Full PDB file with SEQRES, HELIX, SHEET, SSBOND, CRYST1, ORIGX, SCALE, CONECT and MASTER records, all heavy atoms in Angstrom:
SEQRES   1 A   39  HIS SER LYS ARG PRO ASN ALA PRO ILE ALA LEU MET LEU          
SEQRES   2 A   39  HIS PRO HIS PRO GLN TYR GLY GLY THR MET ASN ASN LYS          
SEQRES   3 A   39  VAL VAL TYR THR LEU PHE HIS ALA PHE VAL ARG GLN GLY          
HELIX    1 AA1 PRO A   17  TYR A   19  5                                   3    
HELIX    2 AA2 LYS A   26  ARG A   37  1                                  12    
CRYST1    1.000    1.000    1.000  90.00  90.00  90.00 P 1           1          
ORIGX1      1.000000  0.000000  0.000000        0.00000                         
ORIGX2      0.000000  1.000000  0.000000        0.00000                         
ORIGX3      0.000000  0.000000  1.000000        0.00000                         
SCALE1      1.000000  0.000000  0.000000        0.00000                         
SCALE2      0.000000  1.000000  0.000000        0.00000                         
SCALE3      0.000000  0.000000  1.000000        0.00000                         
ATOM      1  N   HIS A   1     -10.088  -4.139  -1.435  1.00  0.00           N  
ATOM      2  CA  HIS A   1     -11.293  -3.304  -1.400  1.00  0.00           C  
ATOM      3  C   HIS A   1     -11.882  -3.317  -0.021  1.00  0.00           C  
ATOM      4  O   HIS A   1     -12.062  -4.331   0.625  1.00  0.00           O  
ATOM      5  CB  HIS A   1     -12.333  -3.764  -2.429  1.00  0.00           C  
ATOM      6  CG  HIS A   1     -13.508  -2.818  -2.568  1.00  0.00           C  
ATOM      7  ND1 HIS A   1     -13.354  -1.661  -3.286  1.00  0.00           N  
ATOM      8  CD2 HIS A   1     -14.785  -2.880  -2.221  1.00  0.00           C  
ATOM      9  CE1 HIS A   1     -14.542  -1.057  -3.280  1.00  0.00           C  
ATOM     10  NE2 HIS A   1     -15.333  -1.716  -2.603  1.00  0.00           N  
ATOM     11  N   SER A   2     -12.152  -2.122   0.491  1.00  0.00           N  
ATOM     12  CA  SER A   2     -12.712  -1.993   1.882  1.00  0.00           C  
ATOM     13  C   SER A   2     -14.145  -2.439   1.910  1.00  0.00           C  
ATOM     14  O   SER A   2     -14.945  -2.307   0.946  1.00  0.00           O  
ATOM     15  CB  SER A   2     -12.671  -0.552   2.358  1.00  0.00           C  
ATOM     16  OG  SER A   2     -13.233  -0.402   3.581  1.00  0.00           O  
ATOM     17  N   LYS A   3     -14.553  -3.029   3.025  1.00  0.00           N  
ATOM     18  CA  LYS A   3     -15.958  -3.424   3.213  1.00  0.00           C  
ATOM     19  C   LYS A   3     -16.821  -2.247   3.549  1.00  0.00           C  
ATOM     20  O   LYS A   3     -18.039  -2.297   3.480  1.00  0.00           O  
ATOM     21  CB  LYS A   3     -16.088  -4.416   4.319  1.00  0.00           C  
ATOM     22  CG  LYS A   3     -15.380  -5.818   3.998  1.00  0.00           C  
ATOM     23  CD  LYS A   3     -15.701  -6.852   5.101  1.00  0.00           C  
ATOM     24  CE  LYS A   3     -15.149  -8.191   4.725  1.00  0.00           C  
ATOM     25  NZ  LYS A   3     -13.692  -8.253   5.033  1.00  0.00           N  
ATOM     26  N   ARG A   4     -16.217  -1.148   3.908  1.00  0.00           N  
ATOM     27  CA  ARG A   4     -16.972   0.081   4.339  1.00  0.00           C  
ATOM     28  C   ARG A   4     -17.532   0.796   3.070  1.00  0.00           C  
ATOM     29  O   ARG A   4     -16.799   1.009   2.118  1.00  0.00           O  
ATOM     30  CB  ARG A   4     -16.017   1.052   5.051  1.00  0.00           C  
ATOM     31  CG  ARG A   4     -15.925   0.828   6.528  1.00  0.00           C  
ATOM     32  CD  ARG A   4     -15.008   1.851   7.169  1.00  0.00           C  
ATOM     33  NE  ARG A   4     -15.280   3.258   6.746  1.00  0.00           N  
ATOM     34  CZ  ARG A   4     -14.428   4.153   6.828  1.00  0.00           C  
ATOM     35  NH1 ARG A   4     -13.182   4.007   7.194  1.00  0.00           N  
ATOM     36  NH2 ARG A   4     -14.772   5.423   6.399  1.00  0.00           N  
ATOM     37  N   PRO A   5     -18.779   1.208   3.070  1.00  0.00           N  
ATOM     38  CA  PRO A   5     -19.251   1.954   1.985  1.00  0.00           C  
ATOM     39  C   PRO A   5     -18.609   3.354   1.838  1.00  0.00           C  
ATOM     40  O   PRO A   5     -18.306   3.936   2.949  1.00  0.00           O  
ATOM     41  CB  PRO A   5     -20.774   2.137   2.288  1.00  0.00           C  
ATOM     42  CG  PRO A   5     -20.899   1.920   3.727  1.00  0.00           C  
ATOM     43  CD  PRO A   5     -19.792   0.986   4.129  1.00  0.00           C  
ATOM     44  N   ASN A   6     -18.288   3.770   0.618  1.00  0.00           N  
ATOM     45  CA  ASN A   6     -17.593   5.081   0.410  1.00  0.00           C  
ATOM     46  C   ASN A   6     -16.281   5.226   1.199  1.00  0.00           C  
ATOM     47  O   ASN A   6     -15.914   6.325   1.599  1.00  0.00           O  
ATOM     48  CB  ASN A   6     -18.576   6.248   0.771  1.00  0.00           C  
ATOM     49  CG  ASN A   6     -19.923   6.122   0.121  1.00  0.00           C  
ATOM     50  OD1 ASN A   6     -19.967   5.676  -1.008  1.00  0.00           O  
ATOM     51  ND2 ASN A   6     -20.977   6.592   0.798  1.00  0.00           N  
ATOM     52  N   ALA A   7     -15.577   4.142   1.372  1.00  0.00           N  
ATOM     53  CA  ALA A   7     -14.285   4.182   2.125  1.00  0.00           C  
ATOM     54  C   ALA A   7     -13.315   5.040   1.334  1.00  0.00           C  
ATOM     55  O   ALA A   7     -13.370   5.175   0.133  1.00  0.00           O  
ATOM     56  CB  ALA A   7     -13.777   2.754   2.186  1.00  0.00           C  
ATOM     57  N   PRO A   8     -12.436   5.695   2.081  1.00  0.00           N  
ATOM     58  CA  PRO A   8     -11.394   6.486   1.434  1.00  0.00           C  
ATOM     59  C   PRO A   8     -10.439   5.544   0.674  1.00  0.00           C  
ATOM     60  O   PRO A   8     -10.363   4.337   0.986  1.00  0.00           O  
ATOM     61  CB  PRO A   8     -10.615   7.207   2.584  1.00  0.00           C  
ATOM     62  CG  PRO A   8     -10.981   6.391   3.789  1.00  0.00           C  
ATOM     63  CD  PRO A   8     -12.245   5.741   3.548  1.00  0.00           C  
ATOM     64  N   ILE A   9      -9.758   6.093  -0.343  1.00  0.00           N  
ATOM     65  CA  ILE A   9      -8.769   5.283  -1.102  1.00  0.00           C  
ATOM     66  C   ILE A   9      -7.383   5.721  -0.848  1.00  0.00           C  
ATOM     67  O   ILE A   9      -7.072   6.859  -0.377  1.00  0.00           O  
ATOM     68  CB  ILE A   9      -9.105   5.386  -2.657  1.00  0.00           C  
ATOM     69  CG1 ILE A   9      -9.107   6.905  -3.066  1.00  0.00           C  
ATOM     70  CG2 ILE A   9     -10.428   4.713  -2.953  1.00  0.00           C  
ATOM     71  CD1 ILE A   9      -9.267   7.128  -4.572  1.00  0.00           C  
ATOM     72  N   ALA A  10      -6.400   4.844  -1.083  1.00  0.00           N  
ATOM     73  CA  ALA A  10      -4.982   5.135  -0.916  1.00  0.00           C  
ATOM     74  C   ALA A  10      -4.172   4.358  -1.955  1.00  0.00           C  
ATOM     75  O   ALA A  10      -4.422   3.146  -2.253  1.00  0.00           O  
ATOM     76  CB  ALA A  10      -4.544   4.729   0.512  1.00  0.00           C  
ATOM     77  N   LEU A  11      -3.113   5.103  -2.443  1.00  0.00           N  
ATOM     78  CA  LEU A  11      -2.215   4.501  -3.459  1.00  0.00           C  
ATOM     79  C   LEU A  11      -0.847   4.438  -2.855  1.00  0.00           C  
ATOM     80  O   LEU A  11      -0.334   5.403  -2.317  1.00  0.00           O  
ATOM     81  CB  LEU A  11      -2.272   5.412  -4.741  1.00  0.00           C  
ATOM     82  CG  LEU A  11      -1.293   5.059  -5.847  1.00  0.00           C  
ATOM     83  CD1 LEU A  11      -1.752   3.679  -6.501  1.00  0.00           C  
ATOM     84  CD2 LEU A  11      -1.283   6.155  -6.879  1.00  0.00           C  
ATOM     85  N   MET A  12      -0.168   3.228  -3.009  1.00  0.00           N  
ATOM     86  CA  MET A  12       1.151   3.033  -2.477  1.00  0.00           C  
ATOM     87  C   MET A  12       2.184   3.006  -3.609  1.00  0.00           C  
ATOM     88  O   MET A  12       1.980   2.336  -4.613  1.00  0.00           O  
ATOM     89  CB  MET A  12       1.225   1.667  -1.731  1.00  0.00           C  
ATOM     90  CG  MET A  12       0.140   1.344  -0.771  1.00  0.00           C  
ATOM     91  SD  MET A  12       0.184   2.324   0.696  1.00  0.00           S  
ATOM     92  CE  MET A  12      -1.172   3.444   0.511  1.00  0.00           C  
ATOM     93  N   LEU A  13       3.302   3.684  -3.410  1.00  0.00           N  
ATOM     94  CA  LEU A  13       4.342   3.814  -4.449  1.00  0.00           C  
ATOM     95  C   LEU A  13       5.700   3.275  -3.978  1.00  0.00           C  
ATOM     96  O   LEU A  13       6.141   3.623  -2.920  1.00  0.00           O  
ATOM     97  CB  LEU A  13       4.534   5.261  -4.911  1.00  0.00           C  
ATOM     98  CG  LEU A  13       3.214   5.935  -5.449  1.00  0.00           C  
ATOM     99  CD1 LEU A  13       3.454   7.339  -5.740  1.00  0.00           C  
ATOM    100  CD2 LEU A  13       2.646   5.201  -6.651  1.00  0.00           C  
ATOM    101  N   HIS A  14       6.265   2.386  -4.813  1.00  0.00           N  
ATOM    102  CA  HIS A  14       7.479   1.628  -4.368  1.00  0.00           C  
ATOM    103  C   HIS A  14       8.740   2.324  -4.674  1.00  0.00           C  
ATOM    104  O   HIS A  14       8.811   3.281  -5.479  1.00  0.00           O  
ATOM    105  CB  HIS A  14       7.456   0.206  -4.887  1.00  0.00           C  
ATOM    106  CG  HIS A  14       7.695   0.054  -6.339  1.00  0.00           C  
ATOM    107  ND1 HIS A  14       8.859   0.272  -6.974  1.00  0.00           N  
ATOM    108  CD2 HIS A  14       6.819  -0.389  -7.382  1.00  0.00           C  
ATOM    109  CE1 HIS A  14       8.819  -0.020  -8.267  1.00  0.00           C  
ATOM    110  NE2 HIS A  14       7.567  -0.383  -8.547  1.00  0.00           N  
ATOM    111  N   PRO A  15       9.882   1.829  -4.065  1.00  0.00           N  
ATOM    112  CA  PRO A  15      11.207   2.517  -4.316  1.00  0.00           C  
ATOM    113  C   PRO A  15      11.772   2.263  -5.681  1.00  0.00           C  
ATOM    114  O   PRO A  15      11.081   1.655  -6.559  1.00  0.00           O  
ATOM    115  CB  PRO A  15      12.089   1.909  -3.173  1.00  0.00           C  
ATOM    116  CG  PRO A  15      11.382   0.699  -2.690  1.00  0.00           C  
ATOM    117  CD  PRO A  15       9.939   0.818  -3.028  1.00  0.00           C  
ATOM    118  N   HIS A  16      12.966   2.763  -5.890  1.00  0.00           N  
ATOM    119  CA  HIS A  16      13.548   2.861  -7.221  1.00  0.00           C  
ATOM    120  C   HIS A  16      13.635   1.527  -7.990  1.00  0.00           C  
ATOM    121  O   HIS A  16      14.239   0.591  -7.564  1.00  0.00           O  
ATOM    122  CB  HIS A  16      14.988   3.422  -7.105  1.00  0.00           C  
ATOM    123  CG  HIS A  16      15.388   4.183  -8.290  1.00  0.00           C  
ATOM    124  ND1 HIS A  16      15.578   3.506  -9.549  1.00  0.00           N  
ATOM    125  CD2 HIS A  16      15.725   5.495  -8.505  1.00  0.00           C  
ATOM    126  CE1 HIS A  16      16.028   4.438 -10.440  1.00  0.00           C  
ATOM    127  NE2 HIS A  16      16.067   5.613  -9.844  1.00  0.00           N  
ATOM    128  N   PRO A  17      13.023   1.506  -9.159  1.00  0.00           N  
ATOM    129  CA  PRO A  17      12.971   0.203  -9.952  1.00  0.00           C  
ATOM    130  C   PRO A  17      14.330  -0.238 -10.337  1.00  0.00           C  
ATOM    131  O   PRO A  17      14.596  -1.481 -10.468  1.00  0.00           O  
ATOM    132  CB  PRO A  17      12.207   0.645 -11.264  1.00  0.00           C  
ATOM    133  CG  PRO A  17      11.361   1.813 -10.849  1.00  0.00           C  
ATOM    134  CD  PRO A  17      12.218   2.561  -9.836  1.00  0.00           C  
ATOM    135  N   GLN A  18      15.309   0.678 -10.487  1.00  0.00           N  
ATOM    136  CA  GLN A  18      16.665   0.195 -10.936  1.00  0.00           C  
ATOM    137  C   GLN A  18      17.553  -0.265  -9.772  1.00  0.00           C  
ATOM    138  O   GLN A  18      18.645  -0.756  -9.982  1.00  0.00           O  
ATOM    139  CB  GLN A  18      17.352   1.377 -11.647  1.00  0.00           C  
ATOM    140  CG  GLN A  18      16.668   1.680 -13.012  1.00  0.00           C  
ATOM    141  CD  GLN A  18      17.541   2.604 -13.845  1.00  0.00           C  
ATOM    142  OE1 GLN A  18      18.009   3.660 -13.345  1.00  0.00           O  
ATOM    143  NE2 GLN A  18      17.741   2.233 -15.093  1.00  0.00           N  
ATOM    144  N   TYR A  19      16.995  -0.245  -8.580  1.00  0.00           N  
ATOM    145  CA  TYR A  19      17.713  -0.725  -7.425  1.00  0.00           C  
ATOM    146  C   TYR A  19      16.905  -1.750  -6.699  1.00  0.00           C  
ATOM    147  O   TYR A  19      16.976  -1.845  -5.485  1.00  0.00           O  
ATOM    148  CB  TYR A  19      18.125   0.430  -6.457  1.00  0.00           C  
ATOM    149  CG  TYR A  19      19.009   1.481  -7.100  1.00  0.00           C  
ATOM    150  CD1 TYR A  19      18.471   2.632  -7.667  1.00  0.00           C  
ATOM    151  CD2 TYR A  19      20.339   1.218  -7.263  1.00  0.00           C  
ATOM    152  CE1 TYR A  19      19.285   3.576  -8.318  1.00  0.00           C  
ATOM    153  CE2 TYR A  19      21.198   2.169  -7.914  1.00  0.00           C  
ATOM    154  CZ  TYR A  19      20.587   3.327  -8.415  1.00  0.00           C  
ATOM    155  OH  TYR A  19      21.413   4.165  -9.104  1.00  0.00           O  
ATOM    156  N   GLY A  20      16.063  -2.538  -7.406  1.00  0.00           N  
ATOM    157  CA  GLY A  20      15.334  -3.612  -6.868  1.00  0.00           C  
ATOM    158  C   GLY A  20      13.982  -3.274  -6.251  1.00  0.00           C  
ATOM    159  O   GLY A  20      13.355  -4.090  -5.589  1.00  0.00           O  
ATOM    160  N   GLY A  21      13.561  -2.051  -6.408  1.00  0.00           N  
ATOM    161  CA  GLY A  21      12.232  -1.648  -5.816  1.00  0.00           C  
ATOM    162  C   GLY A  21      11.110  -2.238  -6.535  1.00  0.00           C  
ATOM    163  O   GLY A  21      10.990  -2.265  -7.741  1.00  0.00           O  
ATOM    164  N   THR A  22      10.112  -2.863  -5.750  1.00  0.00           N  
ATOM    165  CA  THR A  22       8.900  -3.473  -6.296  1.00  0.00           C  
ATOM    166  C   THR A  22       7.818  -3.190  -5.304  1.00  0.00           C  
ATOM    167  O   THR A  22       8.029  -2.719  -4.189  1.00  0.00           O  
ATOM    168  CB  THR A  22       9.004  -4.973  -6.492  1.00  0.00           C  
ATOM    169  OG1 THR A  22       8.827  -5.639  -5.246  1.00  0.00           O  
ATOM    170  CG2 THR A  22      10.309  -5.416  -7.113  1.00  0.00           C  
ATOM    171  N   MET A  23       6.550  -3.488  -5.734  1.00  0.00           N  
ATOM    172  CA  MET A  23       5.448  -3.244  -4.823  1.00  0.00           C  
ATOM    173  C   MET A  23       5.434  -4.254  -3.685  1.00  0.00           C  
ATOM    174  O   MET A  23       4.740  -4.037  -2.670  1.00  0.00           O  
ATOM    175  CB  MET A  23       4.070  -3.451  -5.603  1.00  0.00           C  
ATOM    176  CG  MET A  23       3.904  -4.829  -6.153  1.00  0.00           C  
ATOM    177  SD  MET A  23       2.229  -4.988  -6.839  1.00  0.00           S  
ATOM    178  CE  MET A  23       2.308  -6.582  -7.624  1.00  0.00           C  
ATOM    179  N   ASN A  24       6.324  -5.254  -3.682  1.00  0.00           N  
ATOM    180  CA  ASN A  24       6.431  -6.226  -2.614  1.00  0.00           C  
ATOM    181  C   ASN A  24       7.481  -5.808  -1.602  1.00  0.00           C  
ATOM    182  O   ASN A  24       7.822  -6.573  -0.677  1.00  0.00           O  
ATOM    183  CB  ASN A  24       6.678  -7.627  -3.160  1.00  0.00           C  
ATOM    184  CG  ASN A  24       5.512  -8.182  -3.977  1.00  0.00           C  
ATOM    185  OD1 ASN A  24       4.363  -7.893  -3.608  1.00  0.00           O  
ATOM    186  ND2 ASN A  24       5.799  -8.741  -5.056  1.00  0.00           N  
ATOM    187  N   ASN A  25       8.148  -4.631  -1.830  1.00  0.00           N  
ATOM    188  CA  ASN A  25       9.058  -4.156  -0.774  1.00  0.00           C  
ATOM    189  C   ASN A  25       8.424  -4.137   0.536  1.00  0.00           C  
ATOM    190  O   ASN A  25       7.223  -3.830   0.696  1.00  0.00           O  
ATOM    191  CB  ASN A  25       9.481  -2.732  -1.255  1.00  0.00           C  
ATOM    192  CG  ASN A  25      10.225  -1.972  -0.211  1.00  0.00           C  
ATOM    193  OD1 ASN A  25       9.630  -1.348   0.680  1.00  0.00           O  
ATOM    194  ND2 ASN A  25      11.538  -2.109  -0.235  1.00  0.00           N  
ATOM    195  N   LYS A  26       9.178  -4.437   1.590  1.00  0.00           N  
ATOM    196  CA  LYS A  26       8.650  -4.608   2.939  1.00  0.00           C  
ATOM    197  C   LYS A  26       8.026  -3.368   3.515  1.00  0.00           C  
ATOM    198  O   LYS A  26       6.928  -3.377   4.200  1.00  0.00           O  
ATOM    199  CB  LYS A  26       9.657  -5.142   3.850  1.00  0.00           C  
ATOM    200  CG  LYS A  26       9.964  -6.654   3.738  1.00  0.00           C  
ATOM    201  CD  LYS A  26      10.926  -7.108   4.818  1.00  0.00           C  
ATOM    202  CE  LYS A  26      11.112  -8.611   4.667  1.00  0.00           C  
ATOM    203  NZ  LYS A  26      12.151  -9.116   5.572  1.00  0.00           N  
ATOM    204  N   VAL A  27       8.623  -2.249   3.267  1.00  0.00           N  
ATOM    205  CA  VAL A  27       8.068  -0.950   3.724  1.00  0.00           C  
ATOM    206  C   VAL A  27       6.760  -0.641   3.031  1.00  0.00           C  
ATOM    207  O   VAL A  27       5.770  -0.313   3.629  1.00  0.00           O  
ATOM    208  CB  VAL A  27       9.066   0.209   3.493  1.00  0.00           C  
ATOM    209  CG1 VAL A  27       8.373   1.536   3.781  1.00  0.00           C  
ATOM    210  CG2 VAL A  27      10.293   0.082   4.344  1.00  0.00           C  
ATOM    211  N   VAL A  28       6.673  -0.904   1.716  1.00  0.00           N  
ATOM    212  CA  VAL A  28       5.414  -0.648   0.920  1.00  0.00           C  
ATOM    213  C   VAL A  28       4.343  -1.643   1.412  1.00  0.00           C  
ATOM    214  O   VAL A  28       3.212  -1.193   1.554  1.00  0.00           O  
ATOM    215  CB  VAL A  28       5.723  -0.832  -0.586  1.00  0.00           C  
ATOM    216  CG1 VAL A  28       4.465  -0.720  -1.393  1.00  0.00           C  
ATOM    217  CG2 VAL A  28       6.682   0.198  -1.103  1.00  0.00           C  
ATOM    218  N   TYR A  29       4.740  -2.894   1.641  1.00  0.00           N  
ATOM    219  CA  TYR A  29       3.792  -3.883   2.151  1.00  0.00           C  
ATOM    220  C   TYR A  29       3.228  -3.423   3.437  1.00  0.00           C  
ATOM    221  O   TYR A  29       2.005  -3.562   3.705  1.00  0.00           O  
ATOM    222  CB  TYR A  29       4.534  -5.208   2.249  1.00  0.00           C  
ATOM    223  CG  TYR A  29       3.686  -6.395   2.613  1.00  0.00           C  
ATOM    224  CD1 TYR A  29       2.939  -7.131   1.680  1.00  0.00           C  
ATOM    225  CD2 TYR A  29       3.588  -6.847   3.912  1.00  0.00           C  
ATOM    226  CE1 TYR A  29       2.156  -8.198   2.045  1.00  0.00           C  
ATOM    227  CE2 TYR A  29       2.816  -7.873   4.333  1.00  0.00           C  
ATOM    228  CZ  TYR A  29       2.109  -8.548   3.371  1.00  0.00           C  
ATOM    229  OH  TYR A  29       1.383  -9.670   3.718  1.00  0.00           O  
ATOM    230  N   THR A  30       4.139  -2.957   4.296  1.00  0.00           N  
ATOM    231  CA  THR A  30       3.681  -2.517   5.643  1.00  0.00           C  
ATOM    232  C   THR A  30       2.712  -1.306   5.565  1.00  0.00           C  
ATOM    233  O   THR A  30       1.726  -1.240   6.262  1.00  0.00           O  
ATOM    234  CB  THR A  30       4.974  -2.156   6.462  1.00  0.00           C  
ATOM    235  OG1 THR A  30       5.726  -3.272   6.648  1.00  0.00           O  
ATOM    236  CG2 THR A  30       4.541  -1.613   7.845  1.00  0.00           C  
ATOM    237  N   LEU A  31       3.092  -0.366   4.709  1.00  0.00           N  
ATOM    238  CA  LEU A  31       2.184   0.808   4.471  1.00  0.00           C  
ATOM    239  C   LEU A  31       0.854   0.416   3.990  1.00  0.00           C  
ATOM    240  O   LEU A  31      -0.245   0.810   4.462  1.00  0.00           O  
ATOM    241  CB  LEU A  31       2.790   1.746   3.433  1.00  0.00           C  
ATOM    242  CG  LEU A  31       4.083   2.586   3.915  1.00  0.00           C  
ATOM    243  CD1 LEU A  31       4.655   3.251   2.711  1.00  0.00           C  
ATOM    244  CD2 LEU A  31       3.650   3.627   4.889  1.00  0.00           C  
ATOM    245  N   PHE A  32       0.848  -0.590   3.004  1.00  0.00           N  
ATOM    246  CA  PHE A  32      -0.375  -1.095   2.410  1.00  0.00           C  
ATOM    247  C   PHE A  32      -1.315  -1.672   3.543  1.00  0.00           C  
ATOM    248  O   PHE A  32      -2.495  -1.318   3.626  1.00  0.00           O  
ATOM    249  CB  PHE A  32      -0.005  -2.160   1.416  1.00  0.00           C  
ATOM    250  CG  PHE A  32      -1.140  -2.826   0.681  1.00  0.00           C  
ATOM    251  CD1 PHE A  32      -1.579  -2.433  -0.582  1.00  0.00           C  
ATOM    252  CD2 PHE A  32      -1.898  -3.873   1.290  1.00  0.00           C  
ATOM    253  CE1 PHE A  32      -2.601  -2.946  -1.209  1.00  0.00           C  
ATOM    254  CE2 PHE A  32      -2.905  -4.492   0.600  1.00  0.00           C  
ATOM    255  CZ  PHE A  32      -3.310  -3.993  -0.690  1.00  0.00           C  
ATOM    256  N   HIS A  33      -0.795  -2.488   4.359  1.00  0.00           N  
ATOM    257  CA  HIS A  33      -1.588  -3.124   5.394  1.00  0.00           C  
ATOM    258  C   HIS A  33      -2.042  -2.221   6.508  1.00  0.00           C  
ATOM    259  O   HIS A  33      -3.098  -2.320   7.056  1.00  0.00           O  
ATOM    260  CB  HIS A  33      -0.917  -4.358   5.948  1.00  0.00           C  
ATOM    261  CG  HIS A  33      -0.937  -5.536   4.911  1.00  0.00           C  
ATOM    262  ND1 HIS A  33      -2.181  -6.185   4.783  1.00  0.00           N  
ATOM    263  CD2 HIS A  33      -0.112  -5.989   4.045  1.00  0.00           C  
ATOM    264  CE1 HIS A  33      -1.935  -7.148   3.835  1.00  0.00           C  
ATOM    265  NE2 HIS A  33      -0.707  -7.005   3.378  1.00  0.00           N  
ATOM    266  N   ALA A  34      -1.250  -1.106   6.722  1.00  0.00           N  
ATOM    267  CA  ALA A  34      -1.688  -0.120   7.650  1.00  0.00           C  
ATOM    268  C   ALA A  34      -2.951   0.577   7.223  1.00  0.00           C  
ATOM    269  O   ALA A  34      -3.838   0.802   8.006  1.00  0.00           O  
ATOM    270  CB  ALA A  34      -0.520   0.872   7.930  1.00  0.00           C  
ATOM    271  N   PHE A  35      -2.928   0.973   5.908  1.00  0.00           N  
ATOM    272  CA  PHE A  35      -4.153   1.656   5.323  1.00  0.00           C  
ATOM    273  C   PHE A  35      -5.338   0.690   5.326  1.00  0.00           C  
ATOM    274  O   PHE A  35      -6.460   1.064   5.569  1.00  0.00           O  
ATOM    275  CB  PHE A  35      -3.791   2.122   3.911  1.00  0.00           C  
ATOM    276  CG  PHE A  35      -3.127   3.446   3.897  1.00  0.00           C  
ATOM    277  CD1 PHE A  35      -1.731   3.569   3.868  1.00  0.00           C  
ATOM    278  CD2 PHE A  35      -3.877   4.614   3.894  1.00  0.00           C  
ATOM    279  CE1 PHE A  35      -1.129   4.862   3.788  1.00  0.00           C  
ATOM    280  CE2 PHE A  35      -3.249   5.891   3.849  1.00  0.00           C  
ATOM    281  CZ  PHE A  35      -1.889   5.936   3.799  1.00  0.00           C  
ATOM    282  N   VAL A  36      -5.060  -0.590   5.027  1.00  0.00           N  
ATOM    283  CA  VAL A  36      -6.199  -1.544   5.035  1.00  0.00           C  
ATOM    284  C   VAL A  36      -6.794  -1.674   6.385  1.00  0.00           C  
ATOM    285  O   VAL A  36      -8.012  -1.657   6.527  1.00  0.00           O  
ATOM    286  CB  VAL A  36      -5.673  -2.977   4.584  1.00  0.00           C  
ATOM    287  CG1 VAL A  36      -6.685  -4.082   4.874  1.00  0.00           C  
ATOM    288  CG2 VAL A  36      -5.343  -2.967   3.050  1.00  0.00           C  
ATOM    289  N   ARG A  37      -5.989  -1.671   7.452  1.00  0.00           N  
ATOM    290  CA  ARG A  37      -6.462  -1.822   8.841  1.00  0.00           C  
ATOM    291  C   ARG A  37      -7.320  -0.576   9.181  1.00  0.00           C  
ATOM    292  O   ARG A  37      -8.240  -0.669   9.995  1.00  0.00           O  
ATOM    293  CB  ARG A  37      -5.298  -1.828   9.852  1.00  0.00           C  
ATOM    294  CG  ARG A  37      -4.656  -3.215   9.942  1.00  0.00           C  
ATOM    295  CD  ARG A  37      -3.758  -3.293  11.180  1.00  0.00           C  
ATOM    296  NE  ARG A  37      -2.656  -2.376  11.135  1.00  0.00           N  
ATOM    297  CZ  ARG A  37      -1.497  -2.616  10.543  1.00  0.00           C  
ATOM    298  NH1 ARG A  37      -1.323  -3.792   9.849  1.00  0.00           N  
ATOM    299  NH2 ARG A  37      -0.494  -1.716  10.545  1.00  0.00           N  
ATOM    300  N   GLN A  38      -7.037   0.620   8.582  1.00  0.00           N  
ATOM    301  CA  GLN A  38      -7.822   1.824   8.859  1.00  0.00           C  
ATOM    302  C   GLN A  38      -9.040   1.909   8.007  1.00  0.00           C  
ATOM    303  O   GLN A  38      -9.706   2.976   8.000  1.00  0.00           O  
ATOM    304  CB  GLN A  38      -6.915   3.040   8.787  1.00  0.00           C  
ATOM    305  CG  GLN A  38      -5.753   3.101   9.797  1.00  0.00           C  
ATOM    306  CD  GLN A  38      -6.249   3.209  11.204  1.00  0.00           C  
ATOM    307  OE1 GLN A  38      -7.343   3.704  11.449  1.00  0.00           O  
ATOM    308  NE2 GLN A  38      -5.432   2.790  12.151  1.00  0.00           N  
ATOM    309  N   GLY A  39      -9.325   0.872   7.235  1.00  0.00           N  
ATOM    310  CA  GLY A  39     -10.556   0.874   6.462  1.00  0.00           C  
ATOM    311  C   GLY A  39     -10.536   1.484   5.087  1.00  0.00           C  
ATOM    312  O   GLY A  39     -11.551   1.667   4.409  1.00  0.00           O  
TER     313      GLY A  39                                                      
MASTER        0    0    0    2    0    0    0    6  312    1    0    3          
END                                                                             
């Protein structure tokens, strides 16, 4: 959760579940933290 009031929201979606895709995938994790850095 952002500390900024009325901060924009973002949803991250992971790769194919049948080929090992999870929310902890490195690309998804990287995207997640990029959005966090931008508030």
